[in-house]
Protein backbone atom coordinates (compact mmCIF):
# COMPACT_ATOMS: atom_id res chain seq x y z
CA MET A 1 37.89 72.15 191.41
CA ASN A 2 36.78 75.56 190.09
CA PHE A 3 38.74 77.82 187.77
CA ARG A 4 39.49 80.38 190.50
CA LYS A 5 41.38 77.85 192.61
CA ILE A 6 43.32 76.56 189.61
CA TYR A 7 44.22 80.14 188.71
CA TRP A 8 45.66 80.84 192.16
CA PHE A 9 47.60 77.59 192.18
CA PHE A 10 49.25 78.66 188.94
CA VAL A 11 50.00 82.10 190.41
CA ALA A 12 51.66 80.34 193.33
CA LEU A 13 53.66 78.15 190.94
CA GLY A 14 54.82 81.24 189.07
CA LEU A 15 55.91 83.06 192.22
CA LEU A 16 57.83 80.03 193.51
CA LEU A 17 59.67 79.52 190.22
CA PHE A 18 60.32 83.26 189.80
CA GLY A 19 61.72 83.46 193.33
CA SER A 20 64.01 80.49 192.73
CA LYS A 21 65.43 82.13 189.61
CA LEU A 22 65.84 85.46 191.40
CA LEU A 23 67.92 83.72 194.07
CA VAL A 24 70.36 82.52 191.39
CA ILE A 25 70.55 86.01 189.86
CA ALA A 26 71.01 87.67 193.27
CA HIS A 27 73.91 85.40 194.21
CA TYR A 28 75.64 84.96 190.86
CA GLY A 29 74.44 87.72 188.53
CA SER A 30 76.66 90.56 187.33
CA ALA A 31 75.78 93.93 185.86
CA THR A 32 78.81 93.79 183.54
CA PRO A 33 77.63 92.96 180.01
CA TYR A 34 78.98 89.65 178.73
CA TRP A 35 80.26 88.37 175.38
CA ASP A 36 77.64 88.80 172.61
CA GLN A 37 76.05 91.73 174.42
CA TRP A 38 78.86 94.10 173.43
CA ASP A 39 78.27 93.66 169.71
CA ALA A 40 74.62 92.61 169.48
CA GLU A 41 73.31 95.15 171.98
CA ALA A 42 75.82 97.97 172.46
CA ALA A 43 77.37 98.36 169.01
CA ASN A 44 74.59 97.14 166.72
CA LEU A 45 71.42 98.18 168.58
CA TYR A 46 71.88 100.80 171.30
CA ARG A 47 74.40 102.93 169.47
CA PRO A 48 72.36 103.32 166.24
CA PHE A 49 69.22 103.88 168.32
CA LEU A 50 70.81 106.65 170.38
CA GLU A 51 72.47 108.22 167.32
CA GLY A 52 69.24 108.20 165.31
CA THR A 53 70.42 105.74 162.65
CA LEU A 54 68.39 102.70 163.68
CA ILE A 55 66.44 101.11 160.82
CA LEU A 56 64.29 97.99 160.38
CA GLU A 57 67.28 96.03 159.11
CA HIS A 58 68.92 96.29 162.54
CA PHE A 59 65.98 94.45 164.11
CA VAL A 60 65.92 91.50 161.70
CA ALA A 61 69.67 91.29 161.00
CA SER A 62 71.20 87.89 161.63
CA HIS A 63 72.78 87.03 164.94
CA ASN A 64 74.71 83.84 164.18
CA GLU A 65 72.02 81.61 162.60
CA HIS A 66 69.16 83.53 164.17
CA ARG A 67 67.10 86.67 163.62
CA ILE A 68 66.40 87.75 167.19
CA LEU A 69 63.77 90.43 166.63
CA THR A 70 61.96 89.76 169.92
CA THR A 71 65.14 89.97 172.01
CA ARG A 72 66.12 93.25 170.38
CA LEU A 73 62.69 94.75 171.00
CA ILE A 74 62.83 93.74 174.66
CA SER A 75 66.38 95.07 175.09
CA LEU A 76 65.50 98.39 173.49
CA PHE A 77 62.35 98.70 175.59
CA LEU A 78 64.33 98.16 178.80
CA LEU A 79 67.06 100.63 177.79
CA LYS A 80 64.46 103.26 176.94
CA ASN A 81 62.64 102.85 180.25
CA ASN A 82 65.68 102.50 182.48
CA GLY A 83 67.81 105.16 180.84
CA ILE A 84 71.02 103.11 181.08
CA TRP A 85 72.06 99.57 180.28
CA ASN A 86 71.42 97.13 183.13
CA PRO A 87 71.94 93.41 182.40
CA LEU A 88 70.50 92.56 185.83
CA LEU A 89 67.21 94.14 184.78
CA GLU A 90 67.32 92.05 181.61
CA MET A 91 67.90 88.91 183.68
CA ILE A 92 64.85 89.62 185.83
CA VAL A 93 62.65 90.16 182.77
CA ASN A 94 64.05 86.99 181.20
CA ALA A 95 63.24 85.07 184.38
CA LEU A 96 59.67 86.32 184.16
CA LEU A 97 59.45 85.26 180.50
CA HIS A 98 60.70 81.79 181.37
CA VAL A 99 58.17 81.41 184.17
CA ILE A 100 55.36 82.52 181.84
CA ALA A 101 56.51 79.93 179.28
CA ILE A 102 56.54 77.19 181.94
CA ILE A 103 53.08 78.15 183.18
CA SER A 104 51.81 78.25 179.60
CA ILE A 105 52.95 74.74 178.73
CA THR A 106 51.81 73.35 182.09
CA GLY A 107 48.41 75.01 181.67
CA ALA A 108 48.08 73.74 178.10
CA LEU A 109 48.92 70.20 179.23
CA LEU A 110 46.36 70.45 182.03
CA TYR A 111 43.78 71.55 179.45
CA GLY A 112 44.63 68.51 177.38
CA LEU A 113 44.71 65.97 180.19
CA GLY A 114 41.95 67.22 182.47
CA LYS A 115 41.70 68.77 185.93
CA ARG A 116 42.32 65.48 187.73
CA PHE A 117 46.01 65.83 186.86
CA LEU A 118 46.40 69.32 188.32
CA TRP A 119 48.49 68.34 191.32
CA PRO A 120 50.90 65.98 189.55
CA LEU A 121 51.57 68.57 186.84
CA LEU A 122 52.03 71.44 189.28
CA ILE A 123 54.30 69.55 191.65
CA PHE A 124 56.43 68.03 188.89
CA SER A 125 56.79 71.43 187.16
CA LEU A 126 57.72 73.12 190.43
CA ILE A 127 60.41 70.59 191.34
CA PHE A 128 61.82 70.11 187.85
CA PHE A 129 62.05 73.74 186.81
CA SER A 130 63.36 74.94 190.17
CA PHE A 131 66.71 73.30 189.48
CA PRO A 132 69.20 75.82 187.98
CA TYR A 133 70.46 73.57 185.17
CA GLY A 134 69.87 76.42 182.68
CA TRP A 135 71.98 78.91 184.67
CA GLU A 136 73.74 80.26 181.56
CA ASN A 137 70.48 81.72 180.29
CA THR A 138 69.44 82.84 183.76
CA LEU A 139 72.68 84.80 184.27
CA ALA A 140 72.94 86.40 180.83
CA GLY A 141 70.84 89.44 180.03
CA PHE A 142 71.02 88.79 176.33
CA GLN A 143 69.20 85.43 176.33
CA ALA A 144 65.55 86.42 176.05
CA GLN A 145 65.43 84.59 172.71
CA PHE A 146 65.57 81.20 174.45
CA TYR A 147 62.50 82.01 176.52
CA CYS A 148 60.62 83.80 173.75
CA VAL A 149 60.97 80.81 171.42
CA LEU A 150 59.53 78.54 174.10
CA LEU A 151 56.62 80.85 174.89
CA PHE A 152 55.68 81.61 171.27
CA SER A 153 56.10 77.96 170.24
CA VAL A 154 53.71 76.80 172.97
CA LEU A 155 51.15 79.42 171.90
CA THR A 156 51.57 78.39 168.26
CA LEU A 157 50.96 74.71 168.96
CA PHE A 158 48.03 75.29 171.28
CA LEU A 159 46.16 77.88 169.22
CA LEU A 160 46.71 76.34 165.77
CA ILE A 161 45.85 72.80 166.84
CA GLU A 162 43.10 73.48 169.39
CA LYS A 163 41.28 76.43 167.83
CA THR A 164 39.05 76.54 164.77
CA ILE A 165 40.86 77.46 161.56
CA PHE A 166 40.75 81.13 160.52
CA THR A 167 39.23 82.37 163.79
CA PRO A 168 40.94 85.33 165.53
CA LEU A 169 42.62 83.07 168.13
CA TRP A 170 43.85 80.74 165.40
CA SER A 171 45.30 83.71 163.51
CA LEU A 172 47.01 84.79 166.73
CA GLY A 173 48.63 81.36 166.81
CA LEU A 174 49.98 81.90 163.30
CA LEU A 175 51.46 85.23 164.40
CA ALA A 176 53.02 83.49 167.40
CA GLY A 177 54.64 81.01 165.01
CA VAL A 178 56.23 83.85 163.06
CA LEU A 179 57.46 85.46 166.30
CA ALA A 180 58.89 82.10 167.40
CA PHE A 181 61.06 82.09 164.28
CA PHE A 182 62.09 85.69 164.91
CA SER A 183 63.24 84.63 168.37
CA LEU A 184 65.43 81.68 167.39
CA ALA A 185 65.81 79.92 164.04
CA SER A 186 64.48 76.70 165.60
CA GLY A 187 61.23 78.53 166.32
CA ILE A 188 60.12 77.56 162.81
CA PHE A 189 59.72 74.01 164.11
CA ALA A 190 56.54 74.99 165.93
CA LEU A 191 54.83 75.60 162.59
CA ALA A 192 56.46 72.44 161.23
CA ALA A 193 55.02 70.43 164.14
CA VAL A 194 51.53 71.79 163.47
CA ALA A 195 51.87 70.93 159.77
CA ALA A 196 52.96 67.42 160.76
CA VAL A 197 49.91 66.97 163.01
CA PHE A 198 47.57 68.14 160.25
CA GLY A 199 49.35 65.87 157.77
CA ILE A 200 48.95 62.87 160.10
CA GLN A 201 45.27 63.69 160.57
CA TYR A 202 44.87 63.68 156.79
CA PHE A 203 46.82 60.42 156.40
CA LEU A 204 44.72 58.71 159.09
CA SER A 205 41.49 60.04 157.51
CA VAL A 206 40.67 61.95 160.69
CA ASP A 207 40.29 65.27 158.87
CA ARG A 208 40.55 65.58 155.10
CA SER A 209 38.76 68.91 154.75
CA TRP A 210 39.97 71.24 152.03
CA LYS A 211 40.59 73.99 154.60
CA LYS A 212 42.94 71.78 156.60
CA ALA A 213 44.74 70.69 153.43
CA ILE A 214 45.28 74.29 152.29
CA VAL A 215 46.45 75.35 155.76
CA THR A 216 48.91 72.46 155.87
CA LEU A 217 50.41 73.55 152.55
CA VAL A 218 50.62 77.17 153.72
CA LEU A 219 52.35 76.12 156.93
CA MET A 220 54.84 74.04 154.95
CA LEU A 221 55.52 77.11 152.81
CA PHE A 222 56.16 79.15 155.96
CA VAL A 223 58.60 76.50 157.16
CA LEU A 224 60.39 76.53 153.80
CA LEU A 225 60.65 80.34 153.91
CA GLY A 226 62.02 80.13 157.44
CA ILE A 227 64.71 77.70 156.35
CA VAL A 228 65.64 79.88 153.37
CA PHE A 229 65.70 82.99 155.57
CA THR A 230 68.01 81.31 158.11
CA PRO A 231 71.63 82.44 157.63
CA VAL A 232 74.40 79.90 157.08
CA ILE A 233 77.50 80.78 159.10
CA ALA A 234 80.63 79.35 157.49
CA GLY A 235 82.53 79.47 160.76
CA HIS A 236 79.92 77.29 162.44
CA LEU A 237 80.01 74.42 159.94
CA ALA A 238 82.62 72.66 162.06
CA LEU A 239 80.16 72.64 164.97
CA LYS A 240 77.60 70.58 163.06
CA ALA A 241 77.26 66.81 162.83
CA HIS A 242 79.20 65.41 159.86
CA SER A 243 77.61 61.98 159.68
CA ILE A 244 74.35 60.23 160.52
CA LYS A 245 76.17 58.18 163.16
CA GLN A 246 77.51 61.31 164.84
CA PHE A 247 74.09 62.96 164.76
CA LEU A 248 72.26 59.91 166.16
CA ALA A 249 74.78 59.54 168.99
CA ALA A 250 74.28 63.20 169.95
CA PHE A 251 70.50 62.99 169.61
CA ILE A 252 70.23 59.85 171.78
CA ASN A 253 72.44 61.38 174.47
CA LEU A 254 70.57 64.67 174.38
CA MET A 255 67.12 63.11 174.50
CA SER A 256 68.20 60.85 177.37
CA TRP A 257 68.97 63.83 179.62
CA PRO A 258 68.90 64.00 182.63
CA LEU A 259 69.39 60.21 182.59
CA PRO A 260 72.71 58.74 181.38
CA GLY A 261 73.26 59.15 177.65
CA ASN A 262 72.73 55.75 176.07
CA PHE A 263 70.06 53.97 174.07
CA PHE A 264 68.54 52.13 177.04
CA TRP A 265 67.93 55.30 179.03
CA PHE A 266 66.79 57.06 175.86
CA LEU A 267 64.00 54.45 175.59
CA VAL A 268 63.14 54.75 179.28
CA ARG A 269 62.92 58.53 179.19
CA ASN A 270 60.83 58.70 176.02
CA ALA A 271 58.68 55.60 176.45
CA PRO A 272 55.63 57.64 177.59
CA SER A 273 55.69 59.71 174.40
CA VAL A 274 56.15 56.60 172.25
CA PHE A 275 53.18 54.86 173.88
CA CYS A 276 51.09 58.03 173.59
CA CYS A 277 51.82 58.31 169.87
CA GLY A 278 51.17 54.62 169.33
CA ALA A 279 47.82 54.80 171.09
CA LEU A 280 46.85 57.87 169.10
CA PHE A 281 47.69 56.23 165.79
CA PHE A 282 45.78 53.09 166.78
CA VAL A 283 42.67 54.79 168.19
CA ARG A 284 42.53 57.63 165.63
CA PRO A 285 40.56 60.03 167.86
CA GLN A 286 38.31 62.76 166.51
CA VAL A 287 39.94 65.94 165.24
CA ASN A 288 38.84 67.87 168.33
CA ASP A 289 40.45 65.37 170.72
CA ARG A 290 43.02 67.10 172.92
CA ARG A 291 45.57 64.34 172.40
CA TRP A 292 46.41 65.90 169.05
CA PHE A 293 47.95 68.79 170.97
CA LEU A 294 50.07 66.28 172.89
CA LEU A 295 51.25 64.84 169.58
CA GLY A 296 52.15 68.34 168.41
CA VAL A 297 54.32 69.09 171.44
CA ILE A 298 55.98 65.66 171.21
CA ILE A 299 56.95 66.37 167.60
CA TRP A 300 58.05 69.92 168.48
CA THR A 301 60.30 68.94 171.37
CA SER A 302 61.77 66.03 169.39
CA VAL A 303 62.65 68.19 166.39
CA GLN A 304 63.99 70.88 168.72
CA GLY A 305 66.31 68.30 170.22
CA ALA A 306 67.31 67.06 166.79
CA SER A 307 68.22 70.57 165.66
CA ILE A 308 70.54 71.04 168.66
CA ALA A 309 72.10 67.60 168.18
CA TYR A 310 72.82 68.45 164.54
CA GLY A 311 73.82 72.09 164.93
CA ARG A 312 75.99 71.79 168.06
CA VAL A 313 77.16 68.17 168.01
CA ASP A 314 79.96 68.70 170.54
CA GLY A 315 78.20 71.12 172.88
CA TYR A 316 74.57 70.01 172.88
CA LEU A 317 74.46 69.65 176.68
CA ALA A 318 75.72 73.18 177.31
CA SER A 319 73.64 74.82 180.02
CA ARG A 320 72.13 77.39 177.64
CA TYR A 321 70.60 74.64 175.47
CA LEU A 322 69.05 72.66 178.30
CA ASP A 323 66.11 75.07 178.60
CA LEU A 324 65.16 74.29 175.00
CA PHE A 325 64.67 70.56 175.38
CA ALA A 326 63.94 70.30 179.12
CA PHE A 327 60.26 70.76 178.19
CA SER A 328 60.38 67.31 176.58
CA VAL A 329 60.76 65.77 180.05
CA LEU A 330 57.55 67.52 181.16
CA ILE A 331 55.83 66.33 177.95
CA ASN A 332 56.84 62.74 178.70
CA PHE A 333 55.53 63.13 182.24
CA ALA A 334 52.20 64.37 180.86
CA CYS A 335 52.04 61.40 178.49
CA LEU A 336 52.80 59.09 181.41
CA LEU A 337 49.85 60.55 183.34
CA ASP A 338 47.62 60.02 180.31
CA GLN A 339 48.34 56.27 180.25
CA ASP A 340 45.56 55.27 182.63
CA SER A 341 43.62 52.75 180.58
CA LEU A 342 44.93 50.08 182.99
CA ASN A 343 44.66 52.02 186.19
CA ASN A 344 46.06 49.33 188.48
CA ILE A 345 48.75 49.12 191.11
CA PHE A 346 51.37 47.92 188.61
CA GLN A 347 50.83 50.94 186.40
CA ARG A 348 51.00 53.28 189.38
CA ILE A 349 54.33 51.77 190.37
CA ILE A 350 55.68 52.32 186.85
CA LYS A 351 54.58 55.96 186.95
CA ALA A 352 56.14 56.51 190.37
CA VAL A 353 59.43 54.84 189.38
CA TRP A 354 59.70 56.83 186.12
CA THR A 355 58.99 60.11 187.91
CA ALA A 356 61.48 59.34 190.68
CA LEU A 357 64.13 58.41 188.10
CA MET A 358 63.75 61.76 186.33
CA LEU A 359 63.88 63.89 189.46
CA VAL A 360 66.70 61.96 191.11
CA ALA A 361 68.72 62.02 187.88
CA LEU A 362 68.16 65.75 187.54
CA GLY A 363 69.16 66.33 191.15
CA TRP A 364 72.32 64.26 190.65
CA TYR A 365 73.16 66.09 187.42
CA CYS A 366 72.79 69.49 189.08
CA TRP A 367 74.65 68.47 192.26
CA LYS A 368 77.52 67.11 190.17
CA ASN A 369 77.85 70.00 187.71
CA VAL A 370 76.07 73.21 188.70
CA PRO A 371 77.84 74.30 191.95
CA GLN A 372 81.29 74.24 190.34
CA GLN A 373 80.00 75.97 187.21
CA LEU A 374 78.31 78.72 189.21
CA ALA A 375 81.39 79.24 191.39
CA GLU A 376 83.56 79.61 188.28
CA LYS A 377 81.00 81.95 186.74
CA LYS A 378 81.09 84.14 189.86
CA ARG A 379 84.90 84.22 189.85
CA THR A 380 85.18 85.22 186.20
CA GLU A 381 82.40 87.82 186.54
CA MET A 382 84.33 89.55 189.32
CA ALA A 383 87.52 89.49 187.26
CA GLN A 384 85.68 90.88 184.22
CA THR A 385 84.24 93.78 186.20
CA ILE A 386 87.60 94.64 187.78
CA ASN A 387 89.43 94.55 184.45
CA VAL A 388 86.85 96.78 182.75
CA GLN A 389 86.91 99.19 185.71
CA ASN A 390 90.71 99.34 185.50
CA TYR A 391 90.53 100.12 181.79
CA GLN A 392 87.90 102.79 182.39
CA ARG A 393 90.17 104.51 184.91
CA SER A 394 93.41 104.25 182.94
CA GLY A 395 92.35 104.14 179.29
CA ASP A 396 95.25 101.69 178.85
CA ILE A 397 94.29 98.72 176.68
CA ASN A 398 96.89 96.63 178.52
CA ASP A 399 94.36 96.42 181.34
CA LEU A 400 92.30 94.27 178.96
CA LYS A 401 95.05 92.40 177.11
CA ASN A 402 96.79 89.16 178.04
CA LYS A 403 94.14 88.15 180.54
CA PRO A 404 93.16 84.53 181.20
CA PHE A 405 90.23 83.27 179.14
CA GLN A 406 86.86 84.64 180.33
CA GLU A 407 88.47 87.27 182.58
CA ILE A 408 87.46 90.04 180.22
CA PRO A 409 83.80 90.06 179.13
CA TYR A 410 84.52 89.88 175.39
CA PRO A 411 86.92 87.61 173.47
CA ASP A 412 88.73 90.45 171.63
CA PRO A 413 90.24 93.14 173.94
CA THR A 414 90.84 95.55 171.04
CA ARG A 415 87.24 95.34 169.91
CA LEU A 416 86.02 95.71 173.50
CA ALA A 417 88.16 98.82 173.99
CA MET A 418 86.80 100.29 170.76
CA ILE A 419 83.18 99.77 171.88
CA LEU A 420 83.94 101.20 175.32
CA SER A 421 85.57 104.25 173.77
CA SER A 422 82.36 105.29 172.03
CA PRO A 423 80.93 108.41 173.74
CA THR A 424 77.44 107.12 172.96
CA ILE A 425 78.06 103.82 174.72
CA GLN A 426 79.82 105.54 177.63
CA LYS A 427 76.59 107.38 178.46
CA ILE A 428 74.57 104.20 178.95
CA LEU A 429 77.06 101.84 180.57
CA PRO A 430 75.94 100.06 183.76
CA THR A 431 76.73 102.00 186.91
CA SER A 432 79.42 99.57 188.07
CA ILE A 433 81.64 100.12 185.00
CA GLN A 434 80.94 103.75 184.16
CA LYS A 435 83.87 106.13 183.79
CA SER A 436 83.79 108.85 186.43
CA THR A 437 85.35 112.07 185.14
CA ASN A 438 86.21 115.25 187.05
CA GLY A 439 84.61 113.88 190.20
CA ASN A 440 81.17 113.65 188.58
CA SER A 441 78.85 111.05 190.03
CA VAL A 442 77.89 108.07 187.92
CA SER A 443 74.47 107.74 186.31
CA VAL A 444 71.81 105.54 187.86
CA GLY A 445 68.97 103.96 185.89
CA ARG A 446 65.37 104.81 186.68
CA LEU A 447 64.64 101.16 187.44
CA ASP A 448 67.94 100.28 189.11
CA GLY A 449 66.40 100.74 192.56
CA VAL A 450 63.59 98.36 191.64
CA VAL A 451 66.17 95.83 190.43
CA ASP A 452 68.08 96.05 193.72
CA TRP A 453 64.88 95.64 195.75
CA VAL A 454 63.64 92.66 193.74
CA LEU A 455 66.95 90.83 193.99
CA SER A 456 67.37 91.54 197.69
CA HIS A 457 63.85 90.26 198.38
CA ALA A 458 63.96 87.13 196.22
CA LEU A 459 62.88 84.96 199.14
CA LEU A 460 59.78 87.13 199.57
CA PHE A 461 58.42 85.89 196.23
CA ILE A 462 58.84 82.31 197.42
CA VAL A 463 57.05 83.14 200.69
CA PHE A 464 54.19 84.79 198.76
CA GLY A 465 53.95 81.70 196.55
CA VAL A 466 53.67 79.39 199.56
CA VAL A 467 51.07 81.65 201.24
CA ILE A 468 48.92 81.89 198.10
CA ALA A 469 49.06 78.11 197.60
CA LEU A 470 47.98 77.53 201.22
CA MET A 471 45.18 80.07 200.97
CA ALA A 472 43.92 78.46 197.75
CA LEU A 473 43.92 75.09 199.50
CA ILE A 474 41.99 76.34 202.52
CA CYS A 475 39.45 78.59 200.82
């Protein structure tokens, strides 16, 4: 199969996934900013930008344990080009980022495994990532960091492991590693995974060149600097694991998802990666063998899961975290495809059963949890918008106080009222919650019409994806 056909199949995959995410946004998205957006965007980014006091420190300032430079740059870019704040526009851009990240990892895995696995990878990616298990990120404008860390981590692993050291593409991979850290703190694990691969290559006598040794040390230094530069939030210490037993229980449950959370299903889900690593250690392939990239992504996804299990021991399966370690299921699927040394009927049955288990378990998980969660999200979004609109009309803080949890879009009504009272913020508020004074019409963003069109034509992207896939098949 030639490159042109493969390219169009990936375009089709992107359109289908993008359309599926747009459907979720169109039905459940709200233009009312939510929770962290009021501080992290309105008060600490947009206001200083519009008042001419924005400095570099604002871009790299901590947000919880993270330094979300990439998210702030994207948010500021969208505000500048739209003219007003529109979380729905942010959601659409985030959806695009997520699709690009999915296509990137799927394409990198295809590069590593070979063209014969095109259809299994495309079909599995389409089905798996079409499920809205990560709806929290999909429906929050201020979540670009989750998608940026995935995209930059994939680029880091691919370019640093696959490309020749010190070439321009390799250097671009190093930059991507830095940007991964400045998306989420766990982004530093991409560089750590590369250092681990290089260290294993040295230990196995695959590559003991002085260049590789120096690079490994430099990468370890970068990882150390990332850890030092990561803020420690005293109020979040209670959220972390307090014992090895507690951590291991969380890690096993997390890395069993979407299967039930116990040790048996943990082994079933991750068996392909274990066998892949075992084969690699036994065979010790040449340094340019593409299986080293597979090892890198296995290490990366495993450490990513471990960081969530440690840092959020009671909430590791929250919807917003699922996007971070869902890639590990795709990695295991890729490793399963690679196990073809005994290409017999028994092995094919094992592959089919494992794949069916993952997809059925994911479907069951989403059917059991997601509809109720989305319905509640829609209900609270409507209440949030109404309560903010009431406050905008009356100026009475009682319209924000004493409301049920989640029925105002920020946990502190006094703080929310203070942000809303800023004349600077008032000028850029989304159309739906702007204050109309003296009969003046509300402001509309330059891209708001595009947003409305895209969301109202979400199904069109899916249709285009199907048509392009069919045309690529025929031509």
